[in-house]
Amino acid sequence: MATFPWRKRTAKSDVPFGVSQDYEWILVYAKNISLMTFGKLPLTDKAKNEYRYKDDKGLFRRAIL
């Protein structure tokens, strides 16, 4: 059904080989897809301020990568 990244911790510099594994992946399955409902959660006032840009796919925010 879906795959979500989960940030399990903040970056650490004391890991082997100098590579920190900060994310794990959550896999979402459904036993019966006909019972699934899909939709979006309403945005909070804080999120509305952050997601103030819009394109043909919907609202988005700018962030420093």
N, C-alpha and C. Protein backbone atom coordinates (compact mmCIF):
# COMPACT_ATOMS: atom_id res chain seq x y z
N MET A 1 0.81 -1.19 0.00
CA MET A 1 0.00 0.00 0.00
C MET A 1 0.86 1.26 0.00
N ALA A 2 1.88 1.27 0.87
CA ALA A 2 2.69 2.48 0.97
C ALA A 2 4.03 2.17 1.63
N THR A 3 4.97 3.09 1.46
CA THR A 3 6.27 3.01 2.11
C THR A 3 6.56 4.38 2.71
N PHE A 4 6.92 4.39 3.99
CA PHE A 4 7.19 5.64 4.69
C PHE A 4 8.60 5.63 5.26
N PRO A 5 9.35 6.73 5.12
CA PRO A 5 10.63 6.82 5.83
C PRO A 5 10.38 7.21 7.28
N TRP A 6 11.14 6.65 8.19
CA TRP A 6 11.03 6.98 9.61
C TRP A 6 12.41 7.37 10.10
N ARG A 7 12.52 8.58 10.61
CA ARG A 7 13.80 9.05 11.14
C ARG A 7 13.93 8.52 12.56
N LYS A 8 14.80 7.54 12.73
CA LYS A 8 14.89 6.86 14.01
C LYS A 8 15.80 7.55 15.01
N ARG A 9 16.68 8.42 14.55
CA ARG A 9 17.57 9.15 15.46
C ARG A 9 18.23 10.29 14.71
N THR A 10 18.92 11.11 15.46
CA THR A 10 19.68 12.17 14.81
C THR A 10 21.01 11.61 14.34
N ALA A 11 21.66 12.28 13.46
CA ALA A 11 22.92 11.81 12.88
C ALA A 11 23.98 11.63 13.96
N LYS A 12 24.73 10.57 13.83
CA LYS A 12 25.82 10.28 14.77
C LYS A 12 27.12 10.20 13.98
N SER A 13 28.18 10.69 14.56
CA SER A 13 29.46 10.67 13.87
C SER A 13 30.34 9.51 14.33
N ASP A 14 29.91 8.75 15.34
CA ASP A 14 30.74 7.68 15.89
C ASP A 14 30.31 6.29 15.41
N VAL A 15 29.87 6.18 14.16
CA VAL A 15 29.42 4.90 13.62
C VAL A 15 30.52 4.30 12.74
N PRO A 16 30.51 2.97 12.56
CA PRO A 16 31.53 2.34 11.71
C PRO A 16 31.47 2.85 10.27
N PHE A 17 32.58 2.95 9.63
CA PHE A 17 32.73 3.36 8.23
C PHE A 17 32.28 4.79 7.97
N GLY A 18 31.97 5.56 9.02
CA GLY A 18 31.59 6.95 8.84
C GLY A 18 30.23 7.17 8.22
N VAL A 19 29.37 6.14 8.22
CA VAL A 19 28.03 6.26 7.63
C VAL A 19 27.00 6.03 8.72
N SER A 20 26.14 6.99 8.94
CA SER A 20 25.11 6.87 9.95
C SER A 20 23.79 6.50 9.29
N GLN A 21 23.15 5.46 9.80
CA GLN A 21 21.85 5.06 9.27
C GLN A 21 20.78 5.75 10.11
N ASP A 22 20.26 6.86 9.60
CA ASP A 22 19.31 7.67 10.34
C ASP A 22 17.86 7.28 10.06
N TYR A 23 17.62 6.63 8.94
CA TYR A 23 16.25 6.31 8.54
C TYR A 23 16.05 4.81 8.41
N GLU A 24 14.82 4.38 8.73
CA GLU A 24 14.36 3.04 8.42
C GLU A 24 13.09 3.21 7.60
N TRP A 25 12.66 2.15 6.95
CA TRP A 25 11.48 2.22 6.10
C TRP A 25 10.35 1.40 6.70
N ILE A 26 9.16 1.98 6.74
CA ILE A 26 7.97 1.30 7.21
C ILE A 26 7.17 0.90 5.98
N LEU A 27 6.90 -0.39 5.85
CA LEU A 27 6.11 -0.90 4.74
C LEU A 27 4.68 -1.14 5.23
N VAL A 28 3.70 -0.63 4.48
CA VAL A 28 2.30 -0.75 4.88
C VAL A 28 1.61 -1.71 3.93
N TYR A 29 0.98 -2.73 4.52
CA TYR A 29 0.27 -3.74 3.75
C TYR A 29 -1.20 -3.73 4.13
N ALA A 30 -2.05 -4.29 3.26
CA ALA A 30 -3.47 -4.42 3.55
C ALA A 30 -3.90 -5.86 3.25
N LYS A 31 -4.58 -6.47 4.18
CA LYS A 31 -5.09 -7.82 3.96
C LYS A 31 -6.26 -7.78 2.99
N ASN A 32 -7.08 -6.73 3.09
CA ASN A 32 -8.23 -6.59 2.21
C ASN A 32 -8.29 -5.15 1.73
N ILE A 33 -7.90 -4.92 0.49
CA ILE A 33 -7.82 -3.55 -0.04
C ILE A 33 -9.18 -2.88 -0.13
N SER A 34 -10.25 -3.66 -0.24
CA SER A 34 -11.58 -3.06 -0.35
C SER A 34 -12.01 -2.38 0.95
N LEU A 35 -11.37 -2.71 2.07
CA LEU A 35 -11.70 -2.07 3.35
C LEU A 35 -10.87 -0.82 3.61
N MET A 36 -9.93 -0.54 2.73
CA MET A 36 -9.05 0.63 2.91
C MET A 36 -9.75 1.90 2.44
N THR A 37 -9.50 2.99 3.17
CA THR A 37 -9.95 4.31 2.74
C THR A 37 -8.73 5.21 2.64
N PHE A 38 -8.72 6.04 1.63
CA PHE A 38 -7.60 6.92 1.38
C PHE A 38 -8.08 8.35 1.42
N GLY A 39 -7.27 9.22 1.96
CA GLY A 39 -7.62 10.62 2.00
C GLY A 39 -6.51 11.43 2.64
N LYS A 40 -6.72 12.69 2.72
CA LYS A 40 -5.74 13.58 3.30
C LYS A 40 -6.26 14.13 4.61
N LEU A 41 -5.37 14.35 5.54
CA LEU A 41 -5.73 14.98 6.79
C LEU A 41 -5.80 16.49 6.59
N PRO A 42 -6.70 17.17 7.28
CA PRO A 42 -6.76 18.62 7.14
C PRO A 42 -5.49 19.27 7.70
N LEU A 43 -5.08 20.36 7.08
CA LEU A 43 -3.89 21.08 7.53
C LEU A 43 -4.20 21.92 8.76
N THR A 44 -3.27 21.95 9.70
CA THR A 44 -3.39 22.84 10.85
C THR A 44 -3.06 24.26 10.41
N ASP A 45 -3.35 25.23 11.26
CA ASP A 45 -3.03 26.62 10.93
C ASP A 45 -1.53 26.80 10.72
N LYS A 46 -0.71 26.13 11.54
CA LYS A 46 0.73 26.21 11.39
C LYS A 46 1.16 25.64 10.04
N ALA A 47 0.59 24.50 9.66
CA ALA A 47 0.94 23.87 8.38
C ALA A 47 0.49 24.74 7.20
N LYS A 48 -0.66 25.38 7.35
CA LYS A 48 -1.14 26.26 6.27
C LYS A 48 -0.15 27.39 6.01
N ASN A 49 0.48 27.89 7.07
CA ASN A 49 1.49 28.94 6.89
C ASN A 49 2.74 28.39 6.21
N GLU A 50 3.12 27.16 6.54
CA GLU A 50 4.32 26.55 5.95
C GLU A 50 4.08 26.13 4.50
N TYR A 51 2.93 25.54 4.22
CA TYR A 51 2.60 25.05 2.88
C TYR A 51 1.84 26.12 2.12
N ARG A 52 2.53 27.20 1.80
CA ARG A 52 1.87 28.34 1.17
C ARG A 52 2.07 28.40 -0.33
N TYR A 53 2.85 27.48 -0.90
CA TYR A 53 3.06 27.45 -2.34
C TYR A 53 2.18 26.37 -2.96
N LYS A 54 1.76 26.60 -4.19
CA LYS A 54 0.83 25.66 -4.82
C LYS A 54 1.23 25.45 -6.28
N ASP A 55 1.09 24.20 -6.74
CA ASP A 55 1.26 23.89 -8.16
C ASP A 55 0.16 22.93 -8.56
N ASP A 56 0.29 22.28 -9.72
CA ASP A 56 -0.78 21.41 -10.21
C ASP A 56 -0.95 20.14 -9.38
N LYS A 57 0.01 19.80 -8.52
CA LYS A 57 -0.10 18.62 -7.65
C LYS A 57 -0.65 18.96 -6.28
N GLY A 58 -0.71 20.24 -5.92
CA GLY A 58 -1.23 20.64 -4.63
C GLY A 58 -0.31 21.61 -3.91
N LEU A 59 -0.48 21.69 -2.59
CA LEU A 59 0.28 22.61 -1.77
C LEU A 59 1.66 22.01 -1.46
N PHE A 60 2.66 22.88 -1.32
CA PHE A 60 3.99 22.44 -0.93
C PHE A 60 4.70 23.56 -0.19
N ARG A 61 5.81 23.21 0.44
CA ARG A 61 6.62 24.20 1.13
C ARG A 61 8.05 24.12 0.60
N ARG A 62 8.76 25.18 0.74
CA ARG A 62 10.17 25.21 0.35
C ARG A 62 11.00 24.89 1.58
N ALA A 63 12.06 24.13 1.36
CA ALA A 63 12.95 23.78 2.48
C ALA A 63 14.38 23.70 1.97
N ILE A 64 15.31 23.95 2.83
CA ILE A 64 16.72 23.82 2.50
C ILE A 64 17.08 22.34 2.59
N LEU A 65 17.60 21.80 1.51
CA LEU A 65 17.95 20.38 1.49
C LEU A 65 19.39 20.18 1.87
